[in-house]
Amino acid sequence: MQTLLISDQAAEQLNLMAAKEHISSRDLIERLIVKHRQEMEARATEQERQQSLKAFFAPYRKDLGGFKFDRDEANAR
């Protein structure tokens, strides 16, 4: 087990939060660490999902910068 050095103000806030949850400070820290780890994994998963979507749609991306729409020409067809 490692020793955690924190400021008095942080320790006081930690004890208040732990008291509200009716758990020990150590258990609260463990919960916070687990929650943080899960959030980081979720972010990594979301980034992987975004990358796969970008790769999927890459062949369909077209430069439409020079496109001009002429309503009369379209109606004539």
N, C-alpha and C. Protein backbone atom coordinates (compact mmCIF):
# COMPACT_ATOMS: atom_id res chain seq x y z
N MET A 1 0.85 -1.18 0.00
CA MET A 1 0.00 0.00 0.00
C MET A 1 0.89 1.23 0.00
N GLN A 2 0.47 2.22 -0.75
CA GLN A 2 1.22 3.46 -0.82
C GLN A 2 0.63 4.50 0.12
N THR A 3 1.47 5.39 0.57
CA THR A 3 1.02 6.49 1.41
C THR A 3 0.69 7.67 0.51
N LEU A 4 -0.45 8.27 0.76
CA LEU A 4 -0.89 9.40 -0.04
C LEU A 4 -0.76 10.67 0.79
N LEU A 5 0.00 11.62 0.29
CA LEU A 5 0.17 12.89 0.98
C LEU A 5 -0.72 13.92 0.30
N ILE A 6 -1.65 14.50 1.07
CA ILE A 6 -2.55 15.51 0.53
C ILE A 6 -2.62 16.68 1.51
N SER A 7 -3.11 17.79 1.02
CA SER A 7 -3.21 18.97 1.87
C SER A 7 -4.34 18.79 2.89
N ASP A 8 -4.31 19.59 3.92
CA ASP A 8 -5.35 19.53 4.95
C ASP A 8 -6.73 19.83 4.38
N GLN A 9 -6.79 20.79 3.46
CA GLN A 9 -8.07 21.16 2.85
C GLN A 9 -8.61 19.99 2.02
N ALA A 10 -7.75 19.34 1.26
CA ALA A 10 -8.18 18.20 0.45
C ALA A 10 -8.61 17.05 1.35
N ALA A 11 -7.89 16.83 2.43
CA ALA A 11 -8.24 15.76 3.36
C ALA A 11 -9.59 16.03 4.01
N GLU A 12 -9.84 17.28 4.35
CA GLU A 12 -11.12 17.64 4.95
C GLU A 12 -12.27 17.40 3.96
N GLN A 13 -12.08 17.83 2.72
CA GLN A 13 -13.10 17.61 1.69
C GLN A 13 -13.33 16.11 1.45
N LEU A 14 -12.25 15.35 1.44
CA LEU A 14 -12.35 13.90 1.26
C LEU A 14 -13.15 13.27 2.39
N ASN A 15 -12.86 13.68 3.61
CA ASN A 15 -13.60 13.14 4.76
C ASN A 15 -15.08 13.52 4.72
N LEU A 16 -15.38 14.75 4.29
CA LEU A 16 -16.78 15.17 4.18
C LEU A 16 -17.52 14.36 3.12
N MET A 17 -16.87 14.16 1.98
CA MET A 17 -17.50 13.38 0.91
C MET A 17 -17.70 11.92 1.34
N ALA A 18 -16.72 11.37 2.03
CA ALA A 18 -16.82 9.99 2.50
C ALA A 18 -17.93 9.86 3.54
N ALA A 19 -18.06 10.85 4.40
CA ALA A 19 -19.12 10.81 5.42
C ALA A 19 -20.50 10.85 4.77
N LYS A 20 -20.66 11.65 3.70
CA LYS A 20 -21.94 11.71 3.00
C LYS A 20 -22.29 10.37 2.37
N GLU A 21 -21.28 9.66 1.90
CA GLU A 21 -21.51 8.36 1.27
C GLU A 21 -21.54 7.21 2.29
N HIS A 22 -21.24 7.53 3.54
CA HIS A 22 -21.19 6.53 4.62
C HIS A 22 -20.18 5.43 4.33
N ILE A 23 -19.01 5.86 3.82
CA ILE A 23 -17.92 4.92 3.56
C ILE A 23 -16.62 5.53 4.07
N SER A 24 -15.57 4.73 4.09
CA SER A 24 -14.28 5.25 4.54
C SER A 24 -13.64 6.07 3.43
N SER A 25 -12.69 6.89 3.81
CA SER A 25 -11.98 7.72 2.83
C SER A 25 -11.24 6.84 1.83
N ARG A 26 -10.67 5.76 2.32
CA ARG A 26 -9.94 4.84 1.45
C ARG A 26 -10.86 4.24 0.39
N ASP A 27 -12.07 3.84 0.81
CA ASP A 27 -13.03 3.27 -0.13
C ASP A 27 -13.47 4.32 -1.17
N LEU A 28 -13.63 5.55 -0.72
CA LEU A 28 -14.02 6.62 -1.63
C LEU A 28 -12.93 6.85 -2.67
N ILE A 29 -11.69 6.87 -2.26
CA ILE A 29 -10.58 7.05 -3.20
C ILE A 29 -10.55 5.90 -4.20
N GLU A 30 -10.75 4.68 -3.72
CA GLU A 30 -10.78 3.53 -4.63
C GLU A 30 -11.91 3.67 -5.65
N ARG A 31 -13.08 4.10 -5.21
CA ARG A 31 -14.21 4.29 -6.12
C ARG A 31 -13.89 5.35 -7.17
N LEU A 32 -13.28 6.44 -6.71
CA LEU A 32 -12.93 7.51 -7.64
C LEU A 32 -11.91 7.05 -8.67
N ILE A 33 -10.95 6.25 -8.24
CA ILE A 33 -9.94 5.73 -9.17
C ILE A 33 -10.59 4.81 -10.19
N VAL A 34 -11.47 3.92 -9.73
CA VAL A 34 -12.16 3.00 -10.64
C VAL A 34 -13.01 3.78 -11.64
N LYS A 35 -13.73 4.78 -11.15
CA LYS A 35 -14.58 5.59 -12.02
C LYS A 35 -13.74 6.33 -13.06
N HIS A 36 -12.62 6.88 -12.63
CA HIS A 36 -11.73 7.59 -13.56
C HIS A 36 -11.20 6.62 -14.63
N ARG A 37 -10.79 5.44 -14.22
CA ARG A 37 -10.28 4.44 -15.16
C ARG A 37 -11.36 4.07 -16.19
N GLN A 38 -12.60 3.89 -15.72
CA GLN A 38 -13.70 3.54 -16.63
C GLN A 38 -13.97 4.67 -17.62
N GLU A 39 -13.91 5.91 -17.14
CA GLU A 39 -14.13 7.05 -18.03
C GLU A 39 -13.03 7.14 -19.08
N MET A 40 -11.80 6.87 -18.69
CA MET A 40 -10.68 6.90 -19.64
C MET A 40 -10.83 5.80 -20.68
N GLU A 41 -11.26 4.62 -20.27
CA GLU A 41 -11.48 3.52 -21.21
C GLU A 41 -12.63 3.86 -22.16
N ALA A 42 -13.68 4.49 -21.64
CA ALA A 42 -14.82 4.88 -22.48
C ALA A 42 -14.38 5.92 -23.51
N ARG A 43 -13.53 6.85 -23.10
CA ARG A 43 -13.01 7.86 -24.03
C ARG A 43 -12.19 7.21 -25.13
N ALA A 44 -11.35 6.25 -24.74
CA ALA A 44 -10.53 5.55 -25.73
C ALA A 44 -11.41 4.79 -26.71
N THR A 45 -12.46 4.16 -26.19
CA THR A 45 -13.39 3.43 -27.05
C THR A 45 -14.10 4.39 -28.01
N GLU A 46 -14.50 5.54 -27.51
CA GLU A 46 -15.17 6.54 -28.35
C GLU A 46 -14.22 7.04 -29.43
N GLN A 47 -12.96 7.26 -29.10
CA GLN A 47 -12.00 7.72 -30.09
C GLN A 47 -11.77 6.65 -31.16
N GLU A 48 -11.72 5.37 -30.75
CA GLU A 48 -11.58 4.29 -31.72
C GLU A 48 -12.79 4.24 -32.64
N ARG A 49 -13.97 4.45 -32.09
CA ARG A 49 -15.20 4.45 -32.88
C ARG A 49 -15.18 5.58 -33.89
N GLN A 50 -14.76 6.77 -33.46
CA GLN A 50 -14.70 7.90 -34.37
C GLN A 50 -13.71 7.65 -35.49
N GLN A 51 -12.56 7.06 -35.15
CA GLN A 51 -11.56 6.76 -36.17
C GLN A 51 -12.09 5.75 -37.19
N SER A 52 -12.80 4.74 -36.72
CA SER A 52 -13.33 3.73 -37.64
C SER A 52 -14.40 4.34 -38.55
N LEU A 53 -15.22 5.25 -38.01
CA LEU A 53 -16.22 5.92 -38.84
C LEU A 53 -15.56 6.82 -39.88
N LYS A 54 -14.52 7.55 -39.49
CA LYS A 54 -13.81 8.39 -40.45
C LYS A 54 -13.20 7.54 -41.56
N ALA A 55 -12.62 6.40 -41.19
CA ALA A 55 -12.03 5.52 -42.19
C ALA A 55 -13.10 4.95 -43.12
N PHE A 56 -14.26 4.62 -42.58
CA PHE A 56 -15.35 4.07 -43.38
C PHE A 56 -15.85 5.07 -44.42
N PHE A 57 -16.04 6.33 -43.99
CA PHE A 57 -16.61 7.34 -44.88
C PHE A 57 -15.57 8.04 -45.75
N ALA A 58 -14.30 7.80 -45.55
CA ALA A 58 -13.24 8.47 -46.32
C ALA A 58 -13.41 8.31 -47.83
N PRO A 59 -13.75 7.14 -48.36
CA PRO A 59 -13.89 7.02 -49.82
C PRO A 59 -15.06 7.83 -50.39
N TYR A 60 -16.01 8.19 -49.56
CA TYR A 60 -17.20 8.90 -50.04
C TYR A 60 -17.07 10.42 -49.95
N ARG A 61 -15.98 10.90 -49.40
CA ARG A 61 -15.79 12.33 -49.29
C ARG A 61 -15.40 12.90 -50.64
N LYS A 62 -16.11 13.91 -51.07
CA LYS A 62 -15.85 14.57 -52.35
C LYS A 62 -15.71 16.06 -52.13
N ASP A 63 -14.83 16.68 -52.91
CA ASP A 63 -14.66 18.12 -52.84
C ASP A 63 -15.73 18.77 -53.69
N LEU A 64 -16.66 19.45 -53.06
CA LEU A 64 -17.75 20.13 -53.76
C LEU A 64 -17.53 21.63 -53.82
N GLY A 65 -16.29 22.06 -53.65
CA GLY A 65 -15.98 23.48 -53.65
C GLY A 65 -16.32 24.18 -54.95
N GLY A 66 -16.14 23.48 -56.08
CA GLY A 66 -16.41 24.10 -57.37
C GLY A 66 -17.81 23.81 -57.90
N PHE A 67 -18.64 23.19 -57.12
CA PHE A 67 -19.98 22.82 -57.58
C PHE A 67 -20.88 24.04 -57.60
N LYS A 68 -21.60 24.17 -58.72
CA LYS A 68 -22.58 25.26 -58.85
C LYS A 68 -23.89 24.64 -59.32
N PHE A 69 -24.96 25.06 -58.72
CA PHE A 69 -26.27 24.53 -59.07
C PHE A 69 -27.01 25.56 -59.91
N ASP A 70 -27.46 25.12 -61.06
CA ASP A 70 -28.24 25.98 -61.95
C ASP A 70 -29.64 25.41 -62.02
N ARG A 71 -30.58 26.08 -61.42
CA ARG A 71 -31.95 25.59 -61.34
C ARG A 71 -32.59 25.44 -62.73
N ASP A 72 -32.34 26.39 -63.60
CA ASP A 72 -32.93 26.32 -64.94
C ASP A 72 -32.41 25.10 -65.70
N GLU A 73 -31.11 24.86 -65.60
CA GLU A 73 -30.51 23.71 -66.28
C GLU A 73 -31.06 22.40 -65.70
N ALA A 74 -31.21 22.37 -64.38
CA ALA A 74 -31.75 21.15 -63.75
C ALA A 74 -33.20 20.94 -64.16
N ASN A 75 -33.99 21.98 -64.27
CA ASN A 75 -35.39 21.85 -64.66
C ASN A 75 -35.51 21.45 -66.13
N ALA A 76 -34.55 21.86 -66.94
CA ALA A 76 -34.58 21.53 -68.35
C ALA A 76 -34.37 20.04 -68.57
N ARG A 77 -33.67 19.40 -67.69
CA ARG A 77 -33.44 17.95 -67.82
C ARG A 77 -34.71 17.26 -67.53
